[in-house]
Amino acid sequence: MKRIALVIGLIFVTATIRGEEGAAFLKLGTGARAAALGGAYTALGDDASAIGWNPAGLARLEKREFNAAHAELHERTRLDFATYAHPTGRGSFAAALLYLSHGSFTGRDAAGRPTGSVTASDAALTGAYAIKAGFADIGVGFKFITSHIAEAEARTTAVDLGLKKQVYELKGGKVFAAAAVRNLNPGDGLRYNGGQKTELPLQLAAGAAWAHEKGALSFDLFNGPYGSGTDAAFGGEYKVMTGFAFRAGYTTAGVAGGSGIDAARGLSFGVGVGKDGLSVDYAIVPSGDLGAAHRFGLGYRF
């Protein structure tokens, strides 16, 4: 527990850098369940989609798992995610693809004249490995990232690191503490056609979760050192019957503040159904003036 607390403290003590972020799609998260919980998934994640939040969450998988998700964001923007996780006697291995398509839109030259239809998209291919160590579960993920806008393209790499530990039991459930570093870029950021450098959206996260057979509660703090600041996320899940769960969450990220409609923009809701290793999830996430984003997830353990 002391080691986990030390890591969490170091994460937020070092969160003092400021700069310009790019590749914002890396902050959209993976999985419909996590979206319904407001993104409070650093300590709670225990399925294949944990690869996008905290790779240490893969360490205790007991079965192979496939997980896919699709999100309708706004206008023609779509986010797709697919991952496969494979536990072995030497740890769990996983691979994932995250793809954001902006569709096509009209390009314009410096004078504002139309130049025809152009497309834009972003993608991240991740490989991860997690083990059950002596003091905590440990996970690491390696990402290859590409981004293109019309004929301009940028490529780079990133690393995710995570820790997760069960700290005690409470009222028949397990309490977990966790910490993660997401999108750590050992390279030179993103440079479109060799131009100006743009930093990846580095995220430093710490979380706690209580997981019970009847539901779960989770809480995350996360910091974007390159300009996003510190935000919080809360989530709750209640299983009204075997194989059926209601979910709700709230995040301060992207919320302008205030009360009423402004504050409600951080709310999210969802449901999940599952039986015999198959699960289907849905989440609705308000996106301010852009309307609501709908996320759909499908998982299979075998």
Protein backbone atom coordinates (compact mmCIF):
# COMPACT_ATOMS: atom_id res chain seq x y z
CA MET A 1 0.00 0.00 0.00
CA LYS A 2 2.84 2.41 0.83
CA ARG A 3 4.43 1.79 -2.56
CA ILE A 4 1.15 2.50 -4.35
CA ALA A 5 0.74 5.73 -2.35
CA LEU A 6 4.30 6.78 -3.25
CA VAL A 7 3.66 6.25 -6.96
CA ILE A 8 0.39 8.21 -6.80
CA GLY A 9 2.15 11.07 -5.01
CA LEU A 10 4.97 11.22 -7.54
CA ILE A 11 2.48 11.30 -10.40
CA PHE A 12 0.85 14.50 -9.18
CA VAL A 13 3.99 16.15 -7.82
CA THR A 14 5.56 15.93 -11.27
CA ALA A 15 2.45 17.24 -13.07
CA THR A 16 3.77 20.74 -13.65
CA ILE A 17 4.72 20.73 -17.34
CA ARG A 18 2.75 22.83 -19.80
CA GLY A 19 2.70 22.73 -23.57
CA GLU A 20 0.56 22.05 -26.64
CA GLU A 21 -1.29 18.76 -27.02
CA GLY A 22 -2.20 16.86 -30.15
CA ALA A 23 -3.68 13.42 -30.96
CA ALA A 24 -6.66 14.18 -28.73
CA PHE A 25 -8.34 10.92 -29.81
CA LEU A 26 -6.06 9.12 -27.33
CA LYS A 27 -8.08 10.72 -24.50
CA LEU A 28 -11.43 9.37 -25.70
CA GLY A 29 -11.00 6.09 -23.86
CA THR A 30 -11.89 2.52 -24.78
CA GLY A 31 -15.00 0.48 -24.09
CA ALA A 32 -18.66 1.34 -23.49
CA ARG A 33 -18.61 0.20 -19.84
CA ALA A 34 -15.82 2.62 -18.96
CA ALA A 35 -17.59 5.44 -20.83
CA ALA A 36 -20.78 4.88 -18.83
CA LEU A 37 -18.74 5.11 -15.62
CA GLY A 38 -17.40 8.54 -16.56
CA GLY A 39 -13.98 7.16 -17.43
CA ALA A 40 -13.27 6.18 -13.81
CA TYR A 41 -11.62 2.93 -14.87
CA THR A 42 -7.98 3.08 -13.76
CA ALA A 43 -8.55 0.88 -10.70
CA LEU A 44 -11.76 -0.87 -11.76
CA GLY A 45 -10.77 -2.12 -15.23
CA ASP A 46 -10.56 -5.92 -15.20
CA ASP A 47 -11.41 -6.85 -18.78
CA ALA A 48 -9.64 -6.62 -22.14
CA SER A 49 -10.58 -2.94 -22.54
CA ALA A 50 -8.34 -2.13 -19.55
CA ILE A 51 -5.52 -1.96 -22.10
CA GLY A 52 -6.65 1.60 -22.83
CA TRP A 53 -6.84 2.73 -19.19
CA ASN A 54 -4.37 0.75 -17.11
CA PRO A 55 -2.58 -2.27 -18.61
CA ALA A 56 -2.11 -3.71 -15.10
CA GLY A 57 -5.84 -4.53 -15.18
CA LEU A 58 -5.04 -7.34 -17.63
CA ALA A 59 -2.89 -9.25 -15.14
CA ARG A 60 -5.65 -11.33 -13.54
CA LEU A 61 -7.61 -12.36 -16.59
CA GLU A 62 -8.52 -16.03 -16.34
CA LYS A 63 -9.92 -16.51 -19.85
CA ARG A 64 -9.14 -15.30 -23.34
CA GLU A 65 -11.20 -12.27 -24.22
CA PHE A 66 -12.23 -10.32 -27.28
CA ASN A 67 -13.66 -6.84 -26.84
CA ALA A 68 -14.91 -4.38 -29.45
CA ALA A 69 -16.60 -0.99 -29.24
CA HIS A 70 -18.07 1.57 -31.61
CA ALA A 71 -18.89 5.19 -30.82
CA GLU A 72 -20.94 7.67 -32.80
CA LEU A 73 -19.47 10.98 -31.67
CA HIS A 74 -20.67 14.00 -33.63
CA GLU A 75 -21.54 14.59 -37.26
CA ARG A 76 -19.50 11.98 -39.22
CA THR A 77 -16.88 11.29 -36.56
CA ARG A 78 -16.67 7.66 -35.44
CA LEU A 79 -14.44 5.90 -32.95
CA ASP A 80 -13.79 2.16 -33.26
CA PHE A 81 -11.87 -0.09 -30.90
CA ALA A 82 -11.01 -3.78 -30.91
CA THR A 83 -8.78 -5.80 -28.60
CA TYR A 84 -7.83 -9.38 -27.83
CA ALA A 85 -6.32 -10.49 -24.51
CA HIS A 86 -4.69 -13.85 -23.82
CA PRO A 87 -3.74 -14.93 -20.28
CA THR A 88 -0.88 -17.42 -19.82
CA GLY A 89 1.10 -18.87 -16.96
CA ARG A 90 3.66 -16.11 -17.49
CA GLY A 91 1.27 -13.18 -17.60
CA SER A 92 -1.38 -11.74 -19.89
CA PHE A 93 -0.73 -10.53 -23.43
CA ALA A 94 -3.04 -8.20 -25.36
CA ALA A 95 -3.25 -6.27 -28.60
CA ALA A 96 -5.62 -3.45 -29.52
CA LEU A 97 -6.49 -1.10 -32.35
CA LEU A 98 -8.10 2.31 -31.78
CA TYR A 99 -9.28 4.13 -34.93
CA LEU A 100 -10.92 7.55 -35.24
CA SER A 101 -12.44 8.56 -38.56
CA HIS A 102 -13.44 12.15 -39.23
CA GLY A 103 -15.04 11.29 -42.57
CA SER A 104 -14.58 13.58 -45.54
CA PHE A 105 -14.89 17.33 -45.64
CA THR A 106 -14.20 20.20 -48.04
CA GLY A 107 -10.60 21.35 -48.13
CA ARG A 108 -9.70 24.98 -48.72
CA ASP A 109 -6.55 26.81 -49.80
CA ALA A 110 -4.95 29.84 -48.11
CA ALA A 111 -7.46 32.14 -49.80
CA GLY A 112 -10.44 30.11 -48.59
CA ARG A 113 -11.28 28.62 -51.98
CA PRO A 114 -12.55 24.99 -52.05
CA THR A 115 -9.92 22.49 -53.16
CA GLY A 116 -12.01 19.33 -53.14
CA SER A 117 -12.87 16.61 -50.67
CA VAL A 118 -10.25 15.55 -48.10
CA THR A 119 -10.21 13.00 -45.30
CA ALA A 120 -8.67 12.81 -41.83
CA SER A 121 -8.13 9.94 -39.43
CA ASP A 122 -6.09 8.81 -36.44
CA ALA A 123 -5.06 5.33 -35.30
CA ALA A 124 -3.17 3.69 -32.47
CA LEU A 125 -1.98 0.07 -32.45
CA THR A 126 -1.12 -1.19 -28.95
CA GLY A 127 0.60 -4.28 -27.62
CA ALA A 128 0.51 -4.89 -23.84
CA TYR A 129 1.83 -7.29 -21.21
CA ALA A 130 0.81 -7.59 -17.56
CA ILE A 131 1.95 -9.78 -14.65
CA LYS A 132 1.05 -10.42 -11.01
CA ALA A 133 4.13 -9.21 -9.13
CA GLY A 134 4.84 -9.48 -5.41
CA PHE A 135 3.62 -6.05 -4.29
CA ALA A 136 1.18 -5.22 -7.11
CA ASP A 137 0.00 -6.13 -10.58
CA ILE A 138 2.17 -4.45 -13.22
CA GLY A 139 1.35 -3.68 -16.85
CA VAL A 140 3.05 -2.01 -19.79
CA GLY A 141 1.72 -1.11 -23.23
CA PHE A 142 3.54 0.01 -26.37
CA LYS A 143 1.72 2.14 -28.95
CA PHE A 144 2.37 2.97 -32.59
CA ILE A 145 0.39 6.08 -33.53
CA THR A 146 -0.44 7.56 -36.92
CA SER A 147 -2.42 10.66 -37.83
CA HIS A 148 -3.22 12.12 -41.21
CA ILE A 149 -5.06 15.16 -42.52
CA ALA A 150 -5.40 15.23 -46.30
CA GLU A 151 -1.83 14.61 -47.54
CA ALA A 152 -0.13 15.51 -44.25
CA GLU A 153 0.88 12.58 -42.04
CA ALA A 154 2.57 12.13 -38.67
CA ARG A 155 3.81 9.03 -36.86
CA THR A 156 5.19 8.39 -33.40
CA THR A 157 5.28 5.92 -30.51
CA ALA A 158 4.12 5.97 -26.89
CA VAL A 159 4.21 3.87 -23.75
CA ASP A 160 1.56 3.16 -21.09
CA LEU A 161 2.57 2.04 -17.58
CA GLY A 162 0.30 0.83 -14.79
CA LEU A 163 0.09 -0.56 -11.26
CA LYS A 164 -2.91 -2.10 -9.52
CA LYS A 165 -3.29 -3.69 -6.10
CA GLN A 166 -6.07 -5.05 -3.93
CA VAL A 167 -5.61 -3.20 -0.64
CA TYR A 168 -8.38 -4.72 1.53
CA GLU A 169 -11.90 -6.12 1.61
CA LEU A 170 -14.98 -4.10 2.52
CA LYS A 171 -18.54 -5.40 3.03
CA GLY A 172 -17.94 -8.49 0.93
CA GLY A 173 -16.23 -6.58 -1.89
CA LYS A 174 -12.63 -5.92 -2.88
CA VAL A 175 -11.01 -2.48 -2.71
CA PHE A 176 -8.35 -1.67 -5.30
CA ALA A 177 -5.84 1.18 -5.64
CA ALA A 178 -4.12 1.91 -8.94
CA ALA A 179 -1.94 4.35 -10.82
CA ALA A 180 -1.19 4.71 -14.52
CA VAL A 181 0.81 6.81 -16.95
CA ARG A 182 -0.80 6.98 -20.39
CA ASN A 183 0.70 8.18 -23.70
CA LEU A 184 4.24 8.68 -22.45
CA ASN A 185 6.15 9.68 -25.58
CA PRO A 186 9.85 8.72 -25.66
CA GLY A 187 10.20 10.19 -29.14
CA ASP A 188 9.71 13.60 -30.68
CA GLY A 189 5.94 14.01 -30.44
CA LEU A 190 3.87 14.34 -33.61
CA ARG A 191 5.27 16.25 -36.59
CA TYR A 192 3.14 16.50 -39.70
CA ASN A 193 5.46 16.21 -42.69
CA GLY A 194 8.39 17.21 -40.49
CA GLY A 195 6.77 20.44 -39.31
CA GLN A 196 6.13 21.85 -35.83
CA LYS A 197 6.18 19.39 -32.94
CA THR A 198 2.93 18.58 -31.11
CA GLU A 199 3.03 16.73 -27.81
CA LEU A 200 0.93 13.63 -27.21
CA PRO A 201 -1.80 13.98 -24.54
CA LEU A 202 0.18 12.59 -21.61
CA GLN A 203 -2.14 11.55 -18.77
CA LEU A 204 -1.17 10.77 -15.19
CA ALA A 205 -3.93 8.90 -13.40
CA ALA A 206 -4.61 7.53 -9.93
CA GLY A 207 -7.74 5.70 -8.88
CA ALA A 208 -9.56 3.63 -6.29
CA ALA A 209 -12.42 1.18 -6.76
CA TRP A 210 -14.70 -1.10 -4.78
CA ALA A 211 -15.88 -4.17 -6.69
CA HIS A 212 -18.67 -6.42 -5.41
CA GLU A 213 -20.74 -9.16 -7.01
CA LYS A 214 -23.71 -6.75 -6.85
CA GLY A 215 -21.93 -3.76 -8.37
CA ALA A 216 -18.99 -1.38 -8.14
CA LEU A 217 -17.91 2.15 -7.26
CA SER A 218 -14.88 3.89 -8.75
CA PHE A 219 -13.03 7.18 -8.50
CA ASP A 220 -10.20 8.62 -10.63
CA LEU A 221 -7.97 11.67 -10.55
CA PHE A 222 -6.08 12.40 -13.76
CA ASN A 223 -3.77 15.14 -14.88
CA GLY A 224 -2.75 16.32 -18.35
CA PRO A 225 0.68 17.94 -17.83
CA TYR A 226 0.70 19.46 -21.33
CA GLY A 227 -2.30 21.68 -20.76
CA SER A 228 -5.39 19.68 -19.74
CA GLY A 229 -5.00 20.28 -16.01
CA THR A 230 -6.35 18.02 -13.26
CA ASP A 231 -9.81 16.45 -13.44
CA ALA A 232 -11.81 13.86 -11.55
CA ALA A 233 -14.19 11.08 -12.54
CA PHE A 234 -16.71 9.05 -10.55
CA GLY A 235 -18.63 5.94 -11.54
CA GLY A 236 -21.12 3.46 -10.14
CA GLU A 237 -22.56 0.17 -11.34
CA TYR A 238 -25.48 -1.76 -9.88
CA LYS A 239 -26.46 -5.26 -10.96
CA VAL A 240 -30.22 -5.41 -10.61
CA MET A 241 -30.17 -9.09 -11.51
CA THR A 242 -27.73 -11.68 -12.78
CA GLY A 243 -26.39 -10.52 -16.12
CA PHE A 244 -27.97 -7.03 -16.11
CA ALA A 245 -26.38 -3.83 -14.79
CA PHE A 246 -27.21 -0.12 -14.67
CA ARG A 247 -24.29 2.33 -14.78
CA ALA A 248 -23.76 6.05 -14.25
CA GLY A 249 -20.77 8.33 -14.04
CA TYR A 250 -19.56 11.89 -13.94
CA THR A 251 -16.36 13.59 -15.05
CA THR A 252 -15.17 17.16 -14.68
CA ALA A 253 -13.12 16.90 -17.89
CA GLY A 254 -14.47 19.24 -20.53
CA VAL A 255 -17.13 20.68 -18.21
CA ALA A 256 -17.17 24.47 -18.25
CA GLY A 257 -18.38 24.69 -14.65
CA GLY A 258 -21.40 26.29 -13.11
CA SER A 259 -24.65 24.47 -12.43
CA GLY A 260 -27.66 23.11 -14.25
CA ILE A 261 -27.04 22.27 -17.90
CA ASP A 262 -23.36 23.25 -17.75
CA ALA A 263 -22.63 20.85 -14.89
CA ALA A 264 -24.80 18.10 -16.38
CA ARG A 265 -22.51 17.89 -19.40
CA GLY A 266 -20.22 15.67 -17.36
CA LEU A 267 -22.88 13.00 -16.74
CA SER A 268 -22.91 9.62 -18.45
CA PHE A 269 -25.25 6.64 -18.30
CA GLY A 270 -25.29 3.08 -19.54
CA VAL A 271 -26.45 -0.49 -19.26
CA GLY A 272 -24.81 -3.86 -19.68
CA VAL A 273 -26.13 -7.36 -20.24
CA GLY A 274 -24.17 -10.58 -20.20
CA LYS A 275 -24.52 -14.35 -20.20
CA ASP A 276 -22.23 -17.34 -20.81
CA GLY A 277 -19.17 -15.18 -21.46
CA LEU A 278 -20.92 -12.85 -23.90
CA SER A 279 -21.57 -9.22 -22.91
CA VAL A 280 -23.22 -6.26 -24.62
CA ASP A 281 -22.80 -2.70 -23.32
CA TYR A 282 -24.26 0.69 -24.15
CA ALA A 283 -23.37 4.17 -22.95
CA ILE A 284 -24.62 7.66 -23.64
CA VAL A 285 -22.22 10.50 -22.98
CA PRO A 286 -23.37 14.16 -23.29
CA SER A 287 -21.02 16.25 -25.45
CA GLY A 288 -22.19 19.80 -24.75
CA ASP A 289 -23.43 21.71 -27.78
CA LEU A 290 -22.51 18.77 -30.03
CA GLY A 291 -25.27 16.65 -28.53
CA ALA A 292 -24.88 13.15 -27.08
CA ALA A 293 -22.31 10.52 -28.05
CA HIS A 294 -23.51 6.92 -28.17
CA ARG A 295 -21.14 4.03 -27.47
CA PHE A 296 -21.74 0.34 -28.06
CA GLY A 297 -19.58 -2.51 -26.81
CA LEU A 298 -19.36 -6.25 -27.36
CA GLY A 299 -17.24 -8.65 -25.32
CA TYR A 300 -16.68 -12.40 -25.32
CA ARG A 301 -14.70 -14.50 -22.82
CA PHE A 302 -13.82 -18.05 -23.75
